N, C-alpha and C. Protein backbone atom coordinates (compact mmCIF):
# COMPACT_ATOMS: atom_id res chain seq x y z
N UNK A 1 46.65 -7.46 38.10
CA UNK A 1 46.10 -6.24 37.74
C UNK A 1 46.18 -6.35 36.12
N UNK A 2 44.76 -5.73 35.71
CA UNK A 2 44.54 -5.69 34.28
C UNK A 2 45.09 -4.18 33.86
N UNK A 3 45.39 -4.51 32.38
CA UNK A 3 45.73 -3.30 31.96
C UNK A 3 44.55 -3.10 30.95
N UNK A 4 44.39 -1.73 30.94
CA UNK A 4 43.33 -1.20 30.23
C UNK A 4 43.82 -1.28 28.86
N UNK A 5 43.10 -1.67 27.79
CA UNK A 5 43.85 -1.52 26.35
C UNK A 5 42.68 -0.62 25.89
N UNK A 6 42.82 0.58 25.18
CA UNK A 6 42.38 1.34 24.50
C UNK A 6 42.60 1.65 22.99
N UNK A 7 41.71 1.42 22.07
CA UNK A 7 41.90 1.61 20.92
C UNK A 7 42.82 2.95 20.41
N UNK A 8 43.78 2.87 19.66
CA UNK A 8 44.46 4.09 19.23
C UNK A 8 43.33 5.00 18.41
N UNK A 9 43.37 6.32 18.90
CA UNK A 9 42.39 7.29 18.05
C UNK A 9 43.18 7.17 16.67
N UNK A 10 42.13 7.08 15.56
CA UNK A 10 42.36 7.12 14.24
C UNK A 10 42.48 8.49 13.59
N UNK A 11 43.34 8.85 12.85
CA UNK A 11 43.17 10.37 12.36
C UNK A 11 41.76 10.68 11.50
N UNK A 12 41.10 11.77 11.41
CA UNK A 12 40.01 11.79 10.69
C UNK A 12 40.49 11.53 9.04
N UNK A 13 39.48 10.93 8.48
CA UNK A 13 39.49 10.79 7.09
C UNK A 13 40.30 11.86 6.41
N UNK A 14 39.76 13.18 6.42
CA UNK A 14 40.31 14.06 5.63
C UNK A 14 41.42 14.47 5.63
N UNK A 15 42.40 14.19 7.03
CA UNK A 15 43.84 14.48 6.94
C UNK A 15 44.47 13.42 6.48
N UNK A 16 43.86 12.05 6.55
CA UNK A 16 44.52 10.85 5.86
C UNK A 16 44.40 10.98 4.32
N UNK A 17 43.16 11.67 3.77
CA UNK A 17 43.44 11.98 2.28
C UNK A 17 44.31 13.04 2.10
N UNK A 18 44.52 14.11 2.84
CA UNK A 18 45.28 14.97 2.46
C UNK A 18 46.87 14.65 2.60
N UNK A 19 46.97 13.55 3.46
CA UNK A 19 48.45 13.21 3.36
C UNK A 19 48.87 12.28 2.12
N UNK A 20 47.61 11.13 1.87
CA UNK A 20 47.94 10.65 0.71
C UNK A 20 48.07 11.52 -0.54
N UNK A 21 47.21 12.43 -0.62
CA UNK A 21 47.35 13.37 -1.85
C UNK A 21 48.62 13.90 -1.92
N UNK A 22 48.91 14.63 -0.55
CA UNK A 22 50.75 15.06 -0.59
C UNK A 22 51.31 14.00 -1.02
N UNK A 23 51.47 12.83 -0.79
CA UNK A 23 52.42 11.88 -0.61
C UNK A 23 52.42 11.51 -2.25
N UNK A 24 51.21 11.33 -3.16
CA UNK A 24 51.13 11.08 -4.24
C UNK A 24 51.61 12.56 -5.18
N UNK A 25 51.47 13.57 -4.87
CA UNK A 25 52.01 14.85 -5.44
C UNK A 25 53.56 14.62 -5.48
N UNK A 26 53.82 14.34 -4.15
CA UNK A 26 55.57 14.26 -3.96
C UNK A 26 56.15 13.35 -4.68
N UNK A 27 55.47 12.20 -4.92
CA UNK A 27 55.98 11.07 -5.69
C UNK A 27 55.95 11.59 -7.29
N UNK A 28 54.71 11.98 -7.56
CA UNK A 28 54.98 12.70 -8.87
C UNK A 28 56.05 13.49 -9.20
N UNK A 29 56.22 14.75 -8.63
CA UNK A 29 57.04 15.68 -8.60
C UNK A 29 58.52 15.36 -8.65
N UNK A 30 58.74 14.13 -7.75
CA UNK A 30 60.02 13.96 -7.89
C UNK A 30 60.42 12.80 -8.83
N UNK A 31 59.64 11.98 -9.44
CA UNK A 31 59.74 11.40 -10.67
C UNK A 31 60.02 12.23 -11.77
N UNK A 32 59.07 13.41 -11.93
CA UNK A 32 59.49 14.29 -12.96
C UNK A 32 60.65 15.07 -12.95
N UNK A 33 61.06 15.46 -11.68
CA UNK A 33 62.19 16.13 -11.53
C UNK A 33 63.26 15.39 -11.87
N UNK A 34 63.39 13.88 -11.39
CA UNK A 34 64.63 13.09 -11.76
C UNK A 34 64.31 12.78 -13.19
N UNK A 35 63.31 12.90 -13.68
CA UNK A 35 63.33 12.29 -15.39
C UNK A 35 63.99 13.49 -15.96
N UNK A 36 63.32 14.88 -15.88
CA UNK A 36 63.86 15.94 -16.33
C UNK A 36 65.38 16.26 -16.12
N UNK A 37 65.83 15.73 -14.84
CA UNK A 37 67.18 15.99 -14.52
C UNK A 37 68.20 15.65 -15.53
N UNK A 38 67.87 14.45 -16.43
CA UNK A 38 68.81 13.76 -17.26
C UNK A 38 68.00 14.22 -18.77
N UNK A 39 67.04 14.91 -18.82
CA UNK A 39 66.57 15.20 -20.03
C UNK A 39 66.98 16.40 -20.47
N UNK A 40 66.99 16.49 -21.97
CA UNK A 40 67.66 18.00 -22.63
C UNK A 40 66.99 18.99 -22.20
N UNK A 41 67.57 20.20 -21.92
CA UNK A 41 66.90 21.30 -21.68
C UNK A 41 66.10 21.71 -22.62
N UNK A 42 65.04 22.22 -22.58
CA UNK A 42 63.82 23.03 -23.38
C UNK A 42 64.38 24.06 -23.97
N UNK A 43 64.26 24.28 -25.61
CA UNK A 43 64.59 25.04 -26.46
C UNK A 43 63.82 26.45 -26.36
N UNK A 44 64.28 27.69 -26.25
CA UNK A 44 63.52 28.83 -26.28
C UNK A 44 62.54 28.63 -27.59
N UNK A 45 61.20 29.17 -27.44
CA UNK A 45 60.14 28.79 -28.27
C UNK A 45 59.43 27.42 -28.55
N UNK A 46 60.17 26.57 -27.74
CA UNK A 46 59.31 25.25 -27.33
C UNK A 46 57.99 25.16 -26.70
N UNK A 47 57.53 24.18 -26.91
CA UNK A 47 56.15 24.28 -26.34
C UNK A 47 56.26 24.29 -24.74
N UNK A 48 57.39 23.97 -24.04
CA UNK A 48 57.52 23.70 -22.66
C UNK A 48 57.96 25.11 -22.38
N UNK A 49 58.42 25.95 -23.07
CA UNK A 49 59.16 27.11 -22.65
C UNK A 49 58.23 28.10 -22.62
N UNK A 50 57.04 28.17 -23.37
CA UNK A 50 55.80 29.38 -23.78
C UNK A 50 55.37 29.52 -22.31
N UNK A 51 55.22 30.72 -22.03
CA UNK A 51 54.59 31.12 -20.90
C UNK A 51 53.18 31.05 -21.08
N UNK A 52 52.37 31.15 -20.02
CA UNK A 52 50.57 31.25 -19.94
C UNK A 52 50.31 32.39 -20.50
N UNK A 53 49.12 32.60 -21.18
CA UNK A 53 48.63 33.65 -21.65
C UNK A 53 47.78 34.22 -20.43
N UNK A 54 47.65 35.46 -20.69
CA UNK A 54 46.75 36.03 -19.43
C UNK A 54 45.19 35.64 -19.39
N UNK A 55 44.46 35.92 -18.61
CA UNK A 55 43.28 35.21 -18.34
C UNK A 55 42.31 35.80 -19.56
N UNK A 56 41.78 35.05 -20.29
CA UNK A 56 40.85 35.75 -21.30
C UNK A 56 39.32 36.12 -21.09
N UNK A 57 38.86 36.72 -21.53
CA UNK A 57 37.27 37.25 -21.35
C UNK A 57 36.70 36.07 -22.08
N UNK A 58 35.23 35.95 -21.66
CA UNK A 58 34.41 34.77 -22.24
C UNK A 58 34.54 34.94 -23.70
N UNK A 59 34.19 36.29 -24.28
CA UNK A 59 34.47 36.33 -25.93
C UNK A 59 35.56 35.42 -26.52
N UNK A 60 36.82 35.37 -25.64
CA UNK A 60 37.85 34.96 -26.42
C UNK A 60 38.03 33.45 -26.19
N UNK A 61 36.86 32.92 -25.48
CA UNK A 61 36.77 31.36 -25.48
C UNK A 61 36.06 30.82 -26.21
N UNK A 62 36.22 30.11 -27.36
CA UNK A 62 35.23 29.73 -28.36
C UNK A 62 34.32 28.70 -27.66
N UNK A 63 32.85 28.74 -27.91
CA UNK A 63 31.89 28.06 -27.20
C UNK A 63 31.96 26.69 -27.39
N UNK A 64 32.39 26.19 -28.72
CA UNK A 64 32.63 24.85 -29.08
C UNK A 64 33.90 24.10 -29.46
N UNK A 65 34.55 23.12 -28.68
CA UNK A 65 35.81 23.09 -29.45
C UNK A 65 35.45 22.43 -30.99
N UNK A 66 36.70 22.82 -31.50
CA UNK A 66 36.33 22.41 -33.12
C UNK A 66 37.61 22.49 -33.68
N UNK A 67 37.90 22.40 -35.10
CA UNK A 67 39.10 22.34 -35.53
C UNK A 67 39.51 23.60 -35.72
N UNK A 68 40.80 23.66 -35.68
CA UNK A 68 41.45 25.20 -35.87
C UNK A 68 40.99 25.93 -37.01
N UNK A 69 40.99 27.18 -37.26
CA UNK A 69 40.80 27.94 -38.84
C UNK A 69 41.72 27.39 -39.48
N UNK A 70 41.89 27.30 -40.85
CA UNK A 70 42.62 26.93 -41.84
C UNK A 70 44.01 27.74 -41.85
N UNK A 71 43.71 28.86 -41.63
CA UNK A 71 44.99 29.82 -41.48
C UNK A 71 46.00 29.96 -40.07
N UNK A 72 45.03 29.26 -39.16
CA UNK A 72 46.05 29.29 -37.53
C UNK A 72 47.17 28.32 -37.88
N UNK A 73 48.17 28.34 -37.05
CA UNK A 73 49.19 27.16 -37.34
C UNK A 73 48.70 25.94 -36.47
N UNK A 74 49.17 24.84 -36.92
CA UNK A 74 48.76 23.70 -36.27
C UNK A 74 49.58 23.62 -34.91
N UNK A 75 48.96 22.98 -33.79
CA UNK A 75 49.79 22.90 -32.48
C UNK A 75 50.68 22.06 -32.68
N UNK A 76 51.87 22.36 -32.07
CA UNK A 76 53.15 21.50 -32.19
C UNK A 76 52.79 20.37 -31.47
N UNK A 77 53.47 19.40 -32.08
CA UNK A 77 52.85 17.78 -31.55
C UNK A 77 53.89 17.66 -30.31
N UNK A 78 52.90 17.06 -29.42
CA UNK A 78 53.58 16.81 -28.08
C UNK A 78 54.36 15.49 -27.99
N UNK A 79 55.86 15.72 -27.29
CA UNK A 79 56.69 14.82 -26.97
C UNK A 79 56.03 13.48 -26.75
N UNK A 80 56.51 12.28 -27.59
CA UNK A 80 56.12 10.95 -26.93
C UNK A 80 56.71 10.64 -25.57
N UNK A 81 56.03 9.72 -24.86
CA UNK A 81 56.50 9.63 -23.73
C UNK A 81 57.84 8.72 -23.61
N UNK A 82 58.82 9.04 -22.81
CA UNK A 82 59.95 8.48 -22.75
C UNK A 82 59.77 7.36 -22.07
N UNK A 83 58.55 6.98 -21.10
CA UNK A 83 58.59 5.70 -20.43
C UNK A 83 57.16 5.66 -20.36
N UNK A 84 56.95 4.22 -20.31
CA UNK A 84 55.42 3.85 -20.07
C UNK A 84 54.70 4.62 -18.97
N UNK A 85 53.62 5.00 -19.50
CA UNK A 85 52.80 5.73 -18.50
C UNK A 85 52.23 4.95 -17.27
N UNK A 86 52.03 5.71 -16.17
CA UNK A 86 51.45 4.76 -14.96
C UNK A 86 50.26 5.59 -14.82
N UNK A 87 49.15 4.80 -14.85
CA UNK A 87 47.65 5.21 -14.10
C UNK A 87 47.78 6.18 -13.23
N UNK A 88 48.40 5.62 -12.21
CA UNK A 88 48.05 6.13 -10.50
C UNK A 88 49.02 7.44 -10.74
N UNK A 89 50.02 7.27 -11.36
CA UNK A 89 50.93 8.77 -11.18
C UNK A 89 50.32 9.90 -12.31
N UNK A 90 49.60 9.48 -13.30
CA UNK A 90 48.85 10.25 -14.03
C UNK A 90 47.72 11.05 -13.53
N UNK A 91 47.04 9.99 -12.68
CA UNK A 91 45.92 10.65 -11.98
C UNK A 91 46.53 11.53 -10.78
N UNK A 92 47.51 11.47 -10.03
CA UNK A 92 48.03 12.04 -9.09
C UNK A 92 48.67 13.62 -9.69
N UNK A 93 49.09 13.57 -10.95
CA UNK A 93 49.60 14.35 -11.81
C UNK A 93 48.29 15.49 -12.19
N UNK A 94 46.96 14.84 -12.52
CA UNK A 94 45.94 15.36 -13.09
C UNK A 94 45.44 16.60 -12.18
N UNK A 95 45.84 16.20 -10.54
CA UNK A 95 45.26 17.31 -9.74
C UNK A 95 46.05 18.54 -9.96
N UNK A 96 47.31 18.49 -10.35
CA UNK A 96 48.39 19.56 -10.47
C UNK A 96 48.05 20.33 -12.21
N UNK A 97 47.40 19.58 -12.90
CA UNK A 97 47.64 20.04 -14.25
C UNK A 97 46.93 21.67 -14.41
N UNK A 98 47.63 22.55 -14.86
CA UNK A 98 47.13 23.74 -14.74
C UNK A 98 47.86 24.65 -13.74
N UNK A 99 48.70 23.96 -13.02
CA UNK A 99 49.46 24.42 -11.68
C UNK A 99 50.95 24.20 -12.10
N UNK A 100 51.15 23.18 -12.17
CA UNK A 100 52.47 22.35 -12.47
C UNK A 100 53.01 22.12 -13.70
N UNK A 101 53.97 22.70 -14.28
CA UNK A 101 54.21 22.40 -15.88
C UNK A 101 54.79 20.89 -15.92
N UNK A 102 55.47 20.59 -14.56
CA UNK A 102 56.10 19.16 -14.66
C UNK A 102 54.89 18.01 -14.89
N UNK A 103 53.75 18.31 -13.81
CA UNK A 103 52.75 17.32 -13.87
C UNK A 103 52.10 17.61 -14.92
N UNK A 104 51.50 18.48 -15.53
CA UNK A 104 51.10 18.71 -16.87
C UNK A 104 51.71 17.93 -18.01
N UNK A 105 53.11 18.08 -17.98
CA UNK A 105 53.79 17.03 -19.03
C UNK A 105 53.60 15.65 -18.77
N UNK A 106 53.42 15.27 -17.37
CA UNK A 106 53.71 14.02 -17.41
C UNK A 106 52.19 13.42 -18.04
N UNK A 107 51.21 14.23 -17.50
CA UNK A 107 49.89 13.76 -17.61
C UNK A 107 49.52 14.24 -19.23
N UNK A 108 50.04 15.09 -20.13
CA UNK A 108 49.87 14.93 -21.32
C UNK A 108 50.44 14.00 -22.36
N UNK A 109 51.61 13.19 -21.48
CA UNK A 109 52.50 12.15 -22.16
C UNK A 109 51.53 11.26 -21.90
N UNK A 110 50.67 10.73 -20.65
CA UNK A 110 49.75 9.92 -20.20
C UNK A 110 48.70 9.60 -21.05
N UNK A 111 48.09 10.86 -21.47
CA UNK A 111 46.85 10.61 -22.13
C UNK A 111 47.14 10.29 -23.54
N UNK A 112 48.14 10.42 -24.17
CA UNK A 112 48.72 10.19 -25.45
C UNK A 112 49.69 8.86 -25.40
N UNK A 113 49.41 8.08 -24.42
CA UNK A 113 50.11 6.83 -24.20
C UNK A 113 49.13 5.40 -24.28
N UNK A 114 49.10 5.17 -25.56
CA UNK A 114 48.19 3.96 -25.92
C UNK A 114 48.31 2.75 -25.01
N UNK A 115 49.46 2.79 -24.14
CA UNK A 115 49.74 1.32 -23.33
C UNK A 115 48.32 1.73 -22.20
N UNK A 116 47.83 2.87 -21.90
CA UNK A 116 46.86 2.89 -21.04
C UNK A 116 45.49 2.79 -21.58
N UNK A 117 44.48 1.95 -20.87
CA UNK A 117 43.27 1.67 -21.54
C UNK A 117 42.55 2.87 -21.93
N UNK A 118 41.69 2.82 -22.83
CA UNK A 118 40.87 3.66 -23.43
C UNK A 118 40.12 4.38 -22.33
N UNK A 119 39.77 3.61 -21.21
CA UNK A 119 38.61 4.29 -20.00
C UNK A 119 39.75 4.95 -19.38
N UNK A 120 40.95 4.81 -18.93
CA UNK A 120 41.91 5.27 -18.52
C UNK A 120 42.03 6.84 -18.91
N UNK A 121 42.69 6.80 -19.97
CA UNK A 121 42.74 7.94 -20.76
C UNK A 121 41.69 8.90 -20.89
N UNK A 122 40.47 8.32 -21.11
CA UNK A 122 38.94 9.10 -21.06
C UNK A 122 39.05 9.77 -20.04
N UNK A 123 38.97 9.04 -18.90
CA UNK A 123 38.93 9.38 -17.39
C UNK A 123 39.96 10.59 -17.21
N UNK A 124 40.97 10.55 -17.47
CA UNK A 124 42.42 11.45 -17.21
C UNK A 124 41.95 12.79 -17.94
N UNK A 125 41.02 12.70 -19.23
CA UNK A 125 41.11 13.93 -19.75
C UNK A 125 39.76 14.76 -18.87
N UNK A 126 38.65 13.85 -19.05
CA UNK A 126 37.19 14.07 -18.29
C UNK A 126 37.28 14.79 -17.00
N UNK A 127 38.18 14.29 -16.13
CA UNK A 127 38.35 14.78 -14.90
C UNK A 127 38.81 15.74 -14.84
N UNK A 128 39.23 16.82 -15.69
CA UNK A 128 40.06 18.08 -15.63
C UNK A 128 38.82 18.88 -15.00
N UNK A 129 37.53 18.57 -15.14
CA UNK A 129 36.68 19.43 -14.59
C UNK A 129 36.59 19.22 -13.29
N UNK A 130 36.93 18.40 -12.78
CA UNK A 130 36.73 18.19 -11.17
C UNK A 130 37.79 17.93 -10.34
N UNK A 131 38.72 17.06 -10.75
CA UNK A 131 40.03 16.65 -9.84
C UNK A 131 40.87 18.02 -9.73
N UNK A 132 41.05 18.27 -8.67
CA UNK A 132 41.88 19.70 -8.58
C UNK A 132 41.06 20.86 -8.12
N UNK A 133 39.74 20.51 -8.42
CA UNK A 133 38.72 21.90 -8.00
C UNK A 133 37.84 21.23 -7.07
N UNK A 134 37.22 22.19 -6.29
CA UNK A 134 36.19 22.00 -5.20
C UNK A 134 34.82 21.58 -6.27
N UNK A 135 33.85 21.04 -5.58
CA UNK A 135 32.63 20.71 -6.26
C UNK A 135 31.88 22.21 -6.92
N UNK A 136 31.95 23.30 -5.79
CA UNK A 136 31.51 24.65 -6.41
C UNK A 136 32.37 25.46 -6.57
N UNK A 137 33.46 25.43 -8.01
CA UNK A 137 34.52 26.54 -7.84
C UNK A 137 34.21 27.95 -7.57
N UNK A 138 35.17 28.61 -7.23
CA UNK A 138 34.92 29.85 -6.63
C UNK A 138 35.69 30.80 -7.74
N UNK A 139 35.60 32.37 -7.65
CA UNK A 139 36.62 33.16 -8.52
C UNK A 139 37.82 32.82 -8.06
N UNK A 140 38.04 32.34 -6.88
CA UNK A 140 39.73 31.79 -6.56
C UNK A 140 40.02 30.71 -7.34
N UNK A 141 39.32 29.79 -7.88
CA UNK A 141 39.62 29.11 -8.86
C UNK A 141 39.49 29.15 -10.19
N UNK A 142 38.92 30.59 -10.70
CA UNK A 142 39.13 30.93 -12.09
C UNK A 142 40.50 30.57 -12.90
N UNK A 143 41.42 31.19 -12.16
CA UNK A 143 42.92 30.96 -12.92
C UNK A 143 43.04 29.49 -13.72
N UNK A 144 42.68 28.72 -12.43
CA UNK A 144 42.81 27.08 -12.78
C UNK A 144 42.00 26.76 -14.09
N UNK A 145 40.79 27.20 -13.79
CA UNK A 145 39.67 26.99 -14.84
C UNK A 145 40.25 27.40 -16.19
N UNK A 146 40.92 28.55 -16.47
CA UNK A 146 41.27 29.37 -17.88
C UNK A 146 42.50 28.60 -18.18
N UNK A 147 43.22 28.07 -17.32
CA UNK A 147 44.58 27.22 -17.77
C UNK A 147 44.04 26.15 -18.20
N UNK A 148 43.10 25.21 -17.52
CA UNK A 148 42.77 24.16 -18.31
C UNK A 148 41.97 24.45 -19.38
N UNK A 149 41.35 25.24 -19.47
CA UNK A 149 40.48 25.61 -20.85
C UNK A 149 41.58 25.56 -22.22
N UNK A 150 42.61 26.71 -21.72
CA UNK A 150 43.52 26.93 -22.93
C UNK A 150 44.46 25.63 -23.09
N UNK A 151 44.64 24.93 -22.21
CA UNK A 151 45.21 23.51 -22.42
C UNK A 151 44.52 22.71 -23.24
N UNK A 152 43.20 22.58 -23.15
CA UNK A 152 42.35 21.70 -23.95
C UNK A 152 42.40 22.40 -25.35
N UNK A 153 41.94 23.67 -25.32
CA UNK A 153 42.08 24.50 -26.66
C UNK A 153 43.58 24.21 -27.34
N UNK A 154 44.51 23.95 -26.66
CA UNK A 154 45.82 23.49 -27.28
C UNK A 154 45.79 22.08 -27.75
N UNK A 155 45.56 21.26 -27.07
CA UNK A 155 45.49 19.82 -27.46
C UNK A 155 44.25 19.09 -28.06
N UNK A 156 43.37 19.76 -27.93
CA UNK A 156 42.14 18.88 -28.56
C UNK A 156 42.20 18.71 -30.31
N UNK A 157 42.62 19.63 -30.78
CA UNK A 157 42.80 19.63 -32.15
C UNK A 157 43.82 18.77 -32.81
N UNK A 158 45.02 18.14 -31.99
CA UNK A 158 45.63 16.98 -32.07
C UNK A 158 45.62 15.82 -31.29
N UNK A 159 44.36 15.49 -30.99
CA UNK A 159 43.95 14.58 -30.27
C UNK A 159 44.41 13.31 -30.84
N UNK A 160 44.62 12.42 -30.28
CA UNK A 160 45.48 11.01 -31.01
C UNK A 160 44.27 10.26 -31.45
N UNK A 161 42.92 10.07 -30.91
CA UNK A 161 42.03 9.31 -31.44
C UNK A 161 40.74 10.07 -31.05
N UNK A 162 39.46 9.42 -31.02
CA UNK A 162 38.23 10.07 -30.96
C UNK A 162 37.86 9.88 -29.55
N UNK A 163 38.49 8.91 -28.87
CA UNK A 163 38.26 8.79 -27.54
C UNK A 163 38.65 9.95 -26.76
N UNK A 164 40.08 10.37 -27.04
CA UNK A 164 40.64 11.70 -26.26
C UNK A 164 39.76 12.90 -26.66
N UNK A 165 39.51 13.03 -28.45
CA UNK A 165 38.82 14.03 -28.69
C UNK A 165 37.46 14.44 -28.13
N UNK A 166 36.67 13.32 -27.91
CA UNK A 166 35.32 13.25 -27.14
C UNK A 166 35.37 13.60 -25.70
N UNK A 167 36.33 13.19 -24.99
CA UNK A 167 37.15 13.54 -23.63
C UNK A 167 37.28 14.84 -23.34
N UNK A 168 38.07 15.33 -24.44
CA UNK A 168 38.11 16.97 -24.37
C UNK A 168 37.07 17.86 -24.42
N UNK A 169 36.19 17.20 -25.53
CA UNK A 169 34.83 18.33 -25.59
C UNK A 169 34.04 17.83 -24.40
N UNK A 170 33.89 17.12 -23.57
CA UNK A 170 33.36 16.92 -22.22
C UNK A 170 33.73 17.66 -21.34
N UNK A 171 35.18 17.59 -21.04
CA UNK A 171 35.66 18.41 -19.99
C UNK A 171 35.49 19.82 -20.22
N UNK A 172 35.68 20.29 -21.35
CA UNK A 172 35.58 21.65 -21.80
C UNK A 172 34.22 22.26 -21.92
N UNK A 173 33.29 21.36 -21.95
CA UNK A 173 32.03 21.64 -21.75
C UNK A 173 31.70 22.42 -20.37
N UNK A 174 32.26 21.46 -19.53
CA UNK A 174 32.20 21.68 -18.11
C UNK A 174 32.77 22.80 -17.58
N UNK A 175 33.92 22.90 -18.06
CA UNK A 175 34.73 23.81 -17.66
C UNK A 175 34.44 25.18 -18.12
N UNK A 176 33.68 25.30 -19.22
CA UNK A 176 33.02 26.60 -19.60
C UNK A 176 31.90 26.95 -18.88
N UNK A 177 31.05 25.95 -18.82
CA UNK A 177 30.08 26.09 -17.70
C UNK A 177 30.60 27.05 -16.20
N UNK A 178 31.60 26.28 -15.85
CA UNK A 178 32.02 26.99 -14.60
C UNK A 178 32.81 28.39 -14.90
N UNK A 179 33.22 28.48 -15.89
CA UNK A 179 33.71 30.02 -16.01
C UNK A 179 32.54 31.01 -16.44
N UNK A 180 31.69 30.48 -17.11
CA UNK A 180 30.65 31.40 -17.44
C UNK A 180 29.76 31.75 -15.96
N UNK A 181 29.45 30.50 -15.37
CA UNK A 181 29.03 30.87 -13.99
C UNK A 181 29.73 31.88 -13.20
N UNK A 182 31.10 32.04 -13.14
CA UNK A 182 32.17 32.81 -12.35
C UNK A 182 31.98 34.39 -12.83
N UNK A 183 31.96 34.41 -14.04
CA UNK A 183 32.38 35.51 -15.07
C UNK A 183 31.14 36.28 -15.43
N UNK A 184 29.86 35.90 -15.41
CA UNK A 184 28.93 36.49 -15.59
C UNK A 184 27.72 36.83 -14.44
N UNK A 185 27.20 37.95 -14.26
CA UNK A 185 26.55 38.45 -13.15
C UNK A 185 25.08 37.54 -13.27
N UNK A 186 24.84 36.85 -12.21
CA UNK A 186 23.76 36.22 -11.84
C UNK A 186 22.65 37.09 -12.15
N UNK A 187 21.39 36.21 -13.04
CA UNK A 187 20.31 36.71 -13.41
C UNK A 187 19.41 37.38 -12.17
N UNK A 188 18.78 38.46 -11.99
CA UNK A 188 17.75 38.75 -10.94
C UNK A 188 16.40 38.15 -11.28
N UNK A 189 15.81 37.99 -10.65
CA UNK A 189 14.54 37.19 -10.50
C UNK A 189 13.58 38.50 -10.60
């Protein structure tokens, strides 16, 4: 008697992608939680203890990233990475930049880690405009867009090199375009 051998049904690609992304996020969050468990607590007034500002209007967001005015205080230097950055973990953390402070901390340490290649650091910054966002962002995505713009505006003036500075400018340009499209009424023909 012959047994019929049927191939097992494969899960849809979308669910495999979601499972993979969830696993990557879980690994990053676990890593950061364990690393922060042994790290000293943030002091009040430090960069990690500062709450996010309210959503700014378009007028409050400068059109071009540039040097901070002379009378503005310089941004605080970001902490040096405690361990060497891992490009794959940094990419997983990138999806949560603007949502998770722990993921954001790891991402910041990674983009400032010169052990990553210039290309890896550049892509980690430039992809702020698409990783974690849908291809056509909606008003639901506006808080994330604003959080990322504020992060860029905080970090760009202290970029560690021209590679990072150019990448911040590119990501900011695209995020400002999303912001403008979502906050300004469409022109009537």
